[in-house]
Amino acid sequence: MAGEIPFTYLRGLYMTEDFAAGAGGRDLLEKAPAADIVTFVSDEVMRHMSGTEHPQGVLALVDIGAVRREPLSGYPAIFLEDIQDPGNLGTIIRTAEAAGISAVYMSSGCADILSPKVVRSTMGCLFRVPLIRLDGEEFYVEIKRQQEQGVRFVAAALGGTRAYDEISYDEKTAFLVGNEGNGLSARAIASADEKTIIPMEGHVESLNAAVAASILMFEAARQRRV
């Protein structure tokens, strides 16, 4: 477990004796809202609880209300269509915070944000980055709604007319990133205001979805710094 725990939503805290004896464990014990929510378990029990071979020695039971649902003010935002790999989704969420993204919008075909692998991959960012899941038609309706408010949608897609670093993201921008195997659907591409590509050398045809999303988000962050 990493990142800041939303203590107001904390319902249980499980840790091994070794973890509790360290600086991180002592800090958590001091911040825990009540002693009765803390349970000490053996290393073997922790391995079974965490589902990983080498757990960190601490797990938290947190109310689902700790996950942010309302977007932050400003842009850019990112829209994810059918990102199915939990590791990719978790990495994108973690990168979104690092790059200053205002919200992550997900279609109903995306992986469950509460699956263990997604939670671990976000390294605590799950509780700080606004995550908005849009079922079915709502995903495309939201794209249209934001476009009517002046948001420009840039899709990462083959056949893009300009390289990602040739586009200015200083206005209201939202990125569109698609499924690992198939990319964005024809409908999503058609809804975009512009298509962009990430130039590559060698014989590589495409990048991992999380890598492509990270490149776009950090290019927008770089332009804001400049």
Protein backbone atom coordinates (compact mmCIF):
# COMPACT_ATOMS: atom_id res chain seq x y z
CA MET A 1 0.00 0.00 0.00
CA ALA A 2 1.39 3.40 -0.91
CA GLY A 3 0.26 6.97 -1.09
CA GLU A 4 -1.81 8.95 1.33
CA ILE A 5 -4.60 6.99 3.03
CA PRO A 6 -7.93 8.86 3.15
CA PHE A 7 -8.22 8.37 6.91
CA THR A 8 -11.81 9.61 7.11
CA TYR A 9 -12.77 6.63 4.93
CA LEU A 10 -10.52 4.12 6.69
CA ARG A 11 -12.45 1.11 8.00
CA GLY A 12 -9.63 -1.29 8.81
CA LEU A 13 -5.85 -1.41 8.89
CA TYR A 14 -3.93 -4.69 8.75
CA MET A 15 -0.19 -4.91 9.22
CA THR A 16 2.58 -7.28 10.15
CA GLU A 17 4.69 -6.79 13.25
CA ASP A 18 7.76 -6.06 11.13
CA PHE A 19 5.99 -3.32 9.19
CA ALA A 20 4.53 -1.82 12.36
CA ALA A 21 8.02 -1.58 13.87
CA GLY A 22 9.30 0.53 10.96
CA ALA A 23 8.95 4.26 10.43
CA GLY A 24 6.02 3.84 8.03
CA GLY A 25 4.16 1.59 10.44
CA ARG A 26 4.68 3.91 13.39
CA ASP A 27 3.43 6.85 11.34
CA LEU A 28 0.27 4.98 10.33
CA LEU A 29 -0.43 3.91 13.89
CA GLU A 30 -0.17 7.51 15.04
CA LYS A 31 -2.56 8.70 12.34
CA ALA A 32 -5.11 5.87 12.62
CA PRO A 33 -8.42 7.39 13.82
CA ALA A 34 -9.03 4.58 16.31
CA ALA A 35 -6.92 1.78 17.75
CA ASP A 36 -9.68 -0.79 17.28
CA ILE A 37 -9.44 -0.63 13.48
CA VAL A 38 -5.84 -1.93 13.57
CA THR A 39 -5.24 -5.68 13.31
CA PHE A 40 -1.83 -7.34 13.40
CA VAL A 41 -1.41 -10.43 11.21
CA SER A 42 1.39 -12.88 10.45
CA ASP A 43 3.47 -12.74 7.28
CA GLU A 44 1.65 -15.81 5.94
CA VAL A 45 -1.79 -14.32 6.54
CA MET A 46 -0.67 -11.08 4.89
CA ARG A 47 0.42 -12.99 1.78
CA HIS A 48 -3.01 -14.63 1.55
CA MET A 49 -4.81 -11.33 2.12
CA SER A 50 -2.76 -9.35 -0.41
CA GLY A 51 -2.63 -11.93 -3.18
CA THR A 52 1.00 -11.03 -3.90
CA GLU A 53 4.16 -13.03 -3.28
CA HIS A 54 6.01 -10.20 -1.55
CA PRO A 55 3.49 -7.86 0.12
CA GLN A 56 4.59 -4.61 1.76
CA GLY A 57 3.23 -5.72 5.11
CA VAL A 58 0.24 -3.42 5.28
CA LEU A 59 -3.29 -3.39 3.85
CA ALA A 60 -6.13 -0.94 4.35
CA LEU A 61 -9.87 -1.46 4.11
CA VAL A 62 -11.20 1.81 2.68
CA ASP A 63 -14.76 2.91 2.00
CA ILE A 64 -15.54 3.19 -1.73
CA GLY A 65 -16.58 6.79 -1.14
CA ALA A 66 -12.89 7.68 -0.96
CA VAL A 67 -12.64 7.45 -4.77
CA ARG A 68 -13.06 10.91 -6.30
CA ARG A 69 -15.92 11.29 -8.77
CA GLU A 70 -15.97 15.02 -9.55
CA PRO A 71 -13.47 16.42 -12.08
CA LEU A 72 -11.01 19.09 -11.04
CA SER A 73 -11.32 22.49 -12.65
CA GLY A 74 -9.46 23.03 -15.88
CA TYR A 75 -7.99 20.73 -18.51
CA PRO A 76 -6.58 18.61 -20.05
CA ALA A 77 -8.66 15.55 -19.33
CA ILE A 78 -8.29 12.05 -20.75
CA PHE A 79 -11.00 9.74 -22.09
CA LEU A 80 -10.23 6.01 -22.12
CA GLU A 81 -12.21 3.70 -24.38
CA ASP A 82 -12.14 0.02 -23.37
CA ILE A 83 -8.74 -0.10 -21.64
CA GLN A 84 -9.03 -3.69 -20.45
CA ASP A 85 -5.67 -4.45 -18.86
CA PRO A 86 -5.75 -3.54 -15.14
CA GLY A 87 -2.04 -2.75 -15.14
CA ASN A 88 -2.45 -0.31 -18.03
CA LEU A 89 -5.43 1.39 -16.40
CA GLY A 90 -3.65 1.74 -13.08
CA THR A 91 -0.54 3.13 -14.76
CA ILE A 92 -2.58 5.70 -16.70
CA ILE A 93 -4.32 6.85 -13.50
CA ARG A 94 -0.99 7.19 -11.70
CA THR A 95 0.54 9.08 -14.63
CA ALA A 96 -2.55 11.31 -14.87
CA GLU A 97 -1.86 12.73 -11.43
CA ALA A 98 1.83 13.23 -12.19
CA ALA A 99 0.98 15.10 -15.41
CA GLY A 100 -1.72 17.29 -13.85
CA ILE A 101 -4.73 15.76 -15.60
CA SER A 102 -8.08 17.09 -14.36
CA ALA A 103 -10.04 13.85 -14.74
CA VAL A 104 -9.94 10.34 -16.19
CA TYR A 105 -13.16 9.38 -18.00
CA MET A 106 -13.64 5.67 -18.69
CA SER A 107 -16.05 3.77 -20.91
CA SER A 108 -17.92 0.80 -19.49
CA GLY A 109 -15.51 -1.52 -21.32
CA CYS A 110 -12.57 -0.43 -19.16
CA ALA A 111 -11.21 -2.61 -16.37
CA ASP A 112 -12.73 -2.30 -12.90
CA ILE A 113 -10.92 0.48 -11.04
CA LEU A 114 -11.42 -1.45 -7.79
CA SER A 115 -9.73 -4.64 -8.99
CA PRO A 116 -6.62 -5.44 -6.89
CA LYS A 117 -4.17 -4.93 -9.76
CA VAL A 118 -5.59 -1.52 -10.65
CA VAL A 119 -5.51 -0.43 -7.01
CA ARG A 120 -1.90 -1.55 -6.60
CA SER A 121 -0.80 0.03 -9.89
CA THR A 122 -2.16 3.45 -8.94
CA MET A 123 0.08 3.57 -5.82
CA GLY A 124 -2.48 5.67 -3.92
CA CYS A 125 -3.45 7.95 -6.82
CA LEU A 126 -6.81 6.15 -6.94
CA PHE A 127 -7.93 8.40 -4.08
CA ARG A 128 -6.77 11.68 -5.59
CA VAL A 129 -7.40 11.55 -9.36
CA PRO A 130 -11.06 12.10 -10.32
CA LEU A 131 -12.30 8.88 -11.97
CA ILE A 132 -15.55 9.04 -13.91
CA ARG A 133 -17.05 5.88 -15.39
CA LEU A 134 -19.58 6.38 -18.18
CA ASP A 135 -21.78 3.46 -19.18
CA GLY A 136 -22.64 2.70 -22.77
CA GLU A 137 -23.89 5.71 -24.69
CA GLU A 138 -22.97 8.09 -21.87
CA PHE A 139 -19.30 7.99 -22.86
CA TYR A 140 -19.99 9.46 -26.31
CA VAL A 141 -22.67 11.83 -25.02
CA GLU A 142 -20.13 13.29 -22.58
CA ILE A 143 -17.65 13.83 -25.40
CA LYS A 144 -20.30 15.73 -27.36
CA ARG A 145 -21.36 17.73 -24.31
CA GLN A 146 -17.81 18.89 -23.60
CA GLN A 147 -17.21 19.73 -27.25
CA GLU A 148 -20.23 22.02 -27.11
CA GLN A 149 -18.50 23.76 -24.19
CA GLY A 150 -15.40 24.40 -26.28
CA VAL A 151 -13.28 21.37 -25.40
CA ARG A 152 -11.10 20.08 -28.26
CA PHE A 153 -10.69 16.30 -28.42
CA VAL A 154 -7.40 14.89 -29.70
CA ALA A 155 -7.41 11.18 -30.55
CA ALA A 156 -4.33 8.99 -30.53
CA ALA A 157 -4.93 7.01 -33.72
CA LEU A 158 -3.22 5.65 -36.79
CA GLY A 159 -3.72 7.97 -39.70
CA GLY A 160 -3.23 11.05 -37.56
CA THR A 161 -2.44 14.18 -39.50
CA ARG A 162 0.12 15.67 -37.08
CA ALA A 163 2.67 14.38 -34.60
CA TYR A 164 1.71 14.73 -30.96
CA ASP A 165 4.39 17.38 -30.28
CA GLU A 166 3.28 19.55 -33.20
CA ILE A 167 -0.10 20.25 -31.62
CA SER A 168 -0.74 23.02 -29.10
CA TYR A 169 -2.54 21.92 -25.95
CA ASP A 170 -2.77 25.37 -24.38
CA GLU A 171 -6.52 25.54 -24.92
CA LYS A 172 -9.13 23.26 -23.41
CA THR A 173 -8.08 19.80 -24.55
CA ALA A 174 -9.14 16.22 -23.87
CA PHE A 175 -7.24 13.18 -25.08
CA LEU A 176 -8.87 10.05 -26.49
CA VAL A 177 -6.99 6.75 -26.02
CA GLY A 178 -8.34 3.37 -27.05
CA ASN A 179 -8.19 -0.35 -26.44
CA GLU A 180 -4.83 -2.15 -26.27
CA GLY A 181 -5.51 -4.44 -29.20
CA ASN A 182 -7.87 -2.49 -31.44
CA GLY A 183 -7.25 1.12 -30.58
CA LEU A 184 -10.11 3.58 -30.66
CA SER A 185 -13.42 2.61 -32.22
CA ALA A 186 -14.49 4.22 -35.47
CA ARG A 187 -17.12 6.13 -33.53
CA ALA A 188 -14.61 7.57 -31.09
CA ILE A 189 -12.24 8.56 -33.88
CA ALA A 190 -15.07 10.22 -35.79
CA SER A 191 -15.97 12.26 -32.71
CA ALA A 192 -12.44 13.67 -32.34
CA ASP A 193 -11.56 17.16 -33.49
CA GLU A 194 -8.06 16.05 -34.44
CA LYS A 195 -6.09 12.81 -34.79
CA THR A 196 -2.49 12.64 -33.72
CA ILE A 197 0.30 10.10 -34.06
CA ILE A 198 3.43 9.34 -32.07
CA PRO A 199 6.27 9.00 -34.61
CA MET A 200 8.27 5.78 -34.15
CA GLU A 201 11.37 4.29 -35.68
CA GLY A 202 12.23 0.69 -36.44
CA HIS A 203 9.49 -1.82 -37.18
CA VAL A 204 7.23 -0.93 -34.23
CA GLU A 205 3.64 -0.42 -35.35
CA SER A 206 2.11 0.75 -32.08
CA LEU A 207 2.85 1.51 -28.44
CA ASN A 208 1.39 0.12 -25.25
CA ALA A 209 -1.80 2.05 -24.39
CA ALA A 210 -0.41 3.29 -21.08
CA VAL A 211 2.82 4.44 -22.74
CA ALA A 212 0.95 6.31 -25.48
CA ALA A 213 -1.34 7.98 -22.95
CA SER A 214 1.66 8.97 -20.82
CA ILE A 215 3.44 10.58 -23.76
CA LEU A 216 0.39 12.71 -24.59
CA MET A 217 -0.28 13.74 -21.00
CA PHE A 218 3.32 14.74 -20.34
CA GLU A 219 3.57 16.67 -23.61
CA ALA A 220 0.63 18.75 -22.42
CA ALA A 221 2.38 19.19 -19.04
CA ARG A 222 5.59 20.26 -20.79
CA GLN A 223 3.73 22.88 -22.81
CA ARG A 224 2.12 24.28 -19.66
CA ARG A 225 5.54 24.64 -18.04
CA VAL A 226 6.91 26.45 -21.08
